[in-house]
Amino acid sequence: MKKRSPYADNKSYTDSNEDIKLIIPIDYKYKAQLDSLKVQRDIAISTENYHHESLRILKLIEKNTAGIQLIVELINENNDQQDELLTLLSEIHELAKAKSTNEVDASFTMLMKKIPQVVRDAEALARLSSYANIVFNFVMELIKNR
């Protein structure tokens, strides 16, 4: 025989045994507060994820634009080798034409052998190699994400 709950709005929980029903009163005010806390927690997590993703993107931008300053300084400071440097820069930019990782690897390897043959200044060599590395990594990432 079922007993009627003194709480008219109560939800009931049925155990596996159909004869036993546990009446659990729900405090709707508490439930609303709990739901509000869950929403606040979800917003905090979303905000934290947004901040982490924004920071990651800013670091990528900083990393990818670092090469621009290297190249401008390199060309500006090496007046006697400007034509050779511009030719090497053009070859570095041609890495972006590659359609496969093997093609990028082959072009990059050939380029890295050529740079020390053309560039005489150690600092210029380091800057140009660094820039080539930045472009290489960017192109590889681009191809892998296709």
Protein backbone atom coordinates (compact mmCIF):
# COMPACT_ATOMS: atom_id res chain seq x y z
CA MET A 1 0.00 0.00 0.00
CA LYS A 2 1.35 3.40 -1.01
CA LYS A 3 1.57 6.16 1.50
CA ARG A 4 0.85 9.64 0.35
CA SER A 5 3.62 12.09 0.95
CA PRO A 6 2.89 15.09 3.13
CA TYR A 7 4.79 17.08 0.47
CA ALA A 8 2.63 17.54 -2.60
CA ASP A 9 5.47 18.75 -4.89
CA ASN A 10 7.92 16.03 -3.96
CA LYS A 11 9.61 13.84 -6.52
CA SER A 12 9.87 10.21 -5.58
CA TYR A 13 12.75 7.83 -6.01
CA THR A 14 11.89 4.23 -6.78
CA ASP A 15 14.24 1.54 -5.61
CA SER A 16 14.58 -1.71 -7.55
CA ASN A 17 11.97 -3.15 -5.24
CA GLU A 18 8.68 -1.63 -6.43
CA ASP A 19 7.10 -1.92 -3.00
CA ILE A 20 9.54 0.52 -1.46
CA LYS A 21 9.36 4.17 -2.42
CA LEU A 22 11.53 6.76 -0.80
CA ILE A 23 10.12 10.23 -0.80
CA ILE A 24 12.87 12.79 -1.10
CA PRO A 25 11.72 16.35 -0.64
CA ILE A 26 13.39 18.73 -3.09
CA ASP A 27 14.22 22.15 -1.81
CA TYR A 28 13.74 24.18 -4.98
CA LYS A 29 15.56 27.17 -3.53
CA TYR A 30 18.61 24.98 -2.83
CA LYS A 31 18.36 23.44 -6.30
CA ALA A 32 18.28 26.91 -7.89
CA GLN A 33 21.35 27.93 -5.89
CA LEU A 34 23.13 24.73 -6.89
CA ASP A 35 22.26 25.30 -10.55
CA SER A 36 23.52 28.87 -10.28
CA LEU A 37 26.81 27.66 -8.80
CA LYS A 38 27.19 25.13 -11.61
CA VAL A 39 26.63 27.85 -14.20
CA GLN A 40 29.17 30.11 -12.47
CA ARG A 41 31.69 27.26 -12.40
CA ASP A 42 31.13 26.56 -16.11
CA ILE A 43 31.59 30.25 -16.91
CA ALA A 44 34.80 30.36 -14.87
CA ILE A 45 36.14 27.30 -16.68
CA SER A 46 35.19 28.77 -20.07
CA THR A 47 36.84 32.07 -19.16
CA GLU A 48 40.00 30.30 -18.02
CA ASN A 49 40.09 28.24 -21.23
CA TYR A 50 39.59 31.42 -23.26
CA HIS A 51 42.50 33.12 -21.48
CA HIS A 52 44.78 30.11 -22.01
CA GLU A 53 43.88 29.93 -25.70
CA SER A 54 44.38 33.69 -26.13
CA LEU A 55 47.81 33.47 -24.50
CA ARG A 56 48.75 30.52 -26.72
CA ILE A 57 47.72 32.44 -29.86
CA LEU A 58 49.62 35.56 -28.77
CA LYS A 59 52.75 33.48 -28.20
CA LEU A 60 52.39 31.99 -31.70
CA ILE A 61 51.99 35.47 -33.19
CA GLU A 62 55.06 36.69 -31.33
CA LYS A 63 57.03 33.66 -32.47
CA ASN A 64 55.93 34.00 -36.10
CA THR A 65 56.56 37.74 -36.33
CA ALA A 66 59.97 37.60 -34.62
CA GLY A 67 61.53 36.74 -37.96
CA ILE A 68 60.43 40.00 -39.56
CA GLN A 69 62.69 42.10 -37.35
CA LEU A 70 65.57 39.67 -37.93
CA ILE A 71 65.28 40.01 -41.69
CA VAL A 72 64.88 43.79 -41.81
CA GLU A 73 67.96 44.22 -39.62
CA LEU A 74 69.89 41.65 -41.64
CA ILE A 75 69.29 43.38 -44.98
CA ASN A 76 69.82 46.84 -43.51
CA GLU A 77 73.16 45.95 -41.88
CA ASN A 78 74.70 43.92 -44.74
CA ASN A 79 74.89 46.37 -47.60
CA ASP A 80 77.61 44.45 -49.41
CA GLN A 81 75.56 41.23 -49.54
CA GLN A 82 72.04 42.55 -50.04
CA ASP A 83 71.48 40.88 -53.41
CA GLU A 84 72.63 37.48 -52.15
CA LEU A 85 70.55 37.85 -48.99
CA LEU A 86 67.46 38.80 -50.98
CA THR A 87 67.96 35.75 -53.21
CA LEU A 88 68.23 33.51 -50.13
CA LEU A 89 65.13 35.13 -48.64
CA SER A 90 63.26 34.41 -51.84
CA GLU A 91 64.33 30.77 -51.64
CA ILE A 92 63.21 30.64 -48.00
CA HIS A 93 59.80 31.99 -48.98
CA GLU A 94 59.55 29.36 -51.71
CA LEU A 95 59.32 26.77 -48.93
CA ALA A 96 55.69 27.88 -48.67
CA LYS A 97 55.03 26.43 -52.15
CA ALA A 98 55.69 22.89 -50.92
CA LYS A 99 52.78 20.47 -51.09
CA SER A 100 54.22 17.73 -48.87
CA THR A 101 56.43 17.39 -45.83
CA ASN A 102 59.04 15.53 -47.91
CA GLU A 103 59.22 18.43 -50.35
CA VAL A 104 59.63 20.94 -47.49
CA ASP A 105 62.32 18.78 -45.86
CA ALA A 106 64.31 18.46 -49.09
CA SER A 107 64.11 22.19 -49.89
CA PHE A 108 64.98 23.15 -46.31
CA THR A 109 67.99 20.81 -46.19
CA MET A 110 69.31 22.21 -49.47
CA LEU A 111 68.72 25.76 -48.26
CA MET A 112 70.51 25.18 -44.95
CA LYS A 113 73.56 23.89 -46.88
CA LYS A 114 73.50 26.94 -49.15
CA ILE A 115 73.20 29.63 -46.45
CA PRO A 116 76.72 29.14 -44.97
CA GLN A 117 78.19 29.15 -48.48
CA VAL A 118 76.68 32.57 -49.28
CA VAL A 119 76.68 34.40 -45.94
CA ARG A 120 80.05 35.37 -44.49
CA ASP A 121 78.98 37.16 -41.30
CA ALA A 122 78.28 34.84 -38.32
CA GLU A 123 75.44 37.00 -37.01
CA ALA A 124 73.84 37.20 -40.44
CA LEU A 125 74.19 33.44 -40.77
CA ALA A 126 72.44 32.92 -37.44
CA ARG A 127 69.64 35.35 -38.30
CA LEU A 128 69.00 33.91 -41.74
CA SER A 129 69.08 30.34 -40.44
CA SER A 130 66.69 31.30 -37.65
CA TYR A 131 64.28 32.89 -40.12
CA ALA A 132 64.48 29.85 -42.41
CA ASN A 133 63.67 27.68 -39.41
CA ILE A 134 60.63 29.82 -38.54
CA VAL A 135 59.30 29.55 -42.09
CA PHE A 136 60.05 25.81 -42.22
CA ASN A 137 58.16 25.14 -38.96
CA PHE A 138 55.22 27.26 -40.08
CA VAL A 139 54.96 25.49 -43.45
CA MET A 140 55.27 22.05 -41.83
CA GLU A 141 52.46 22.90 -39.41
CA LEU A 142 50.34 24.19 -42.27
CA ILE A 143 50.82 21.01 -44.32
CA LYS A 144 50.13 18.73 -41.34
CA ASN A 145 46.86 20.54 -40.60
CA ARG A 146 45.48 20.14 -44.12
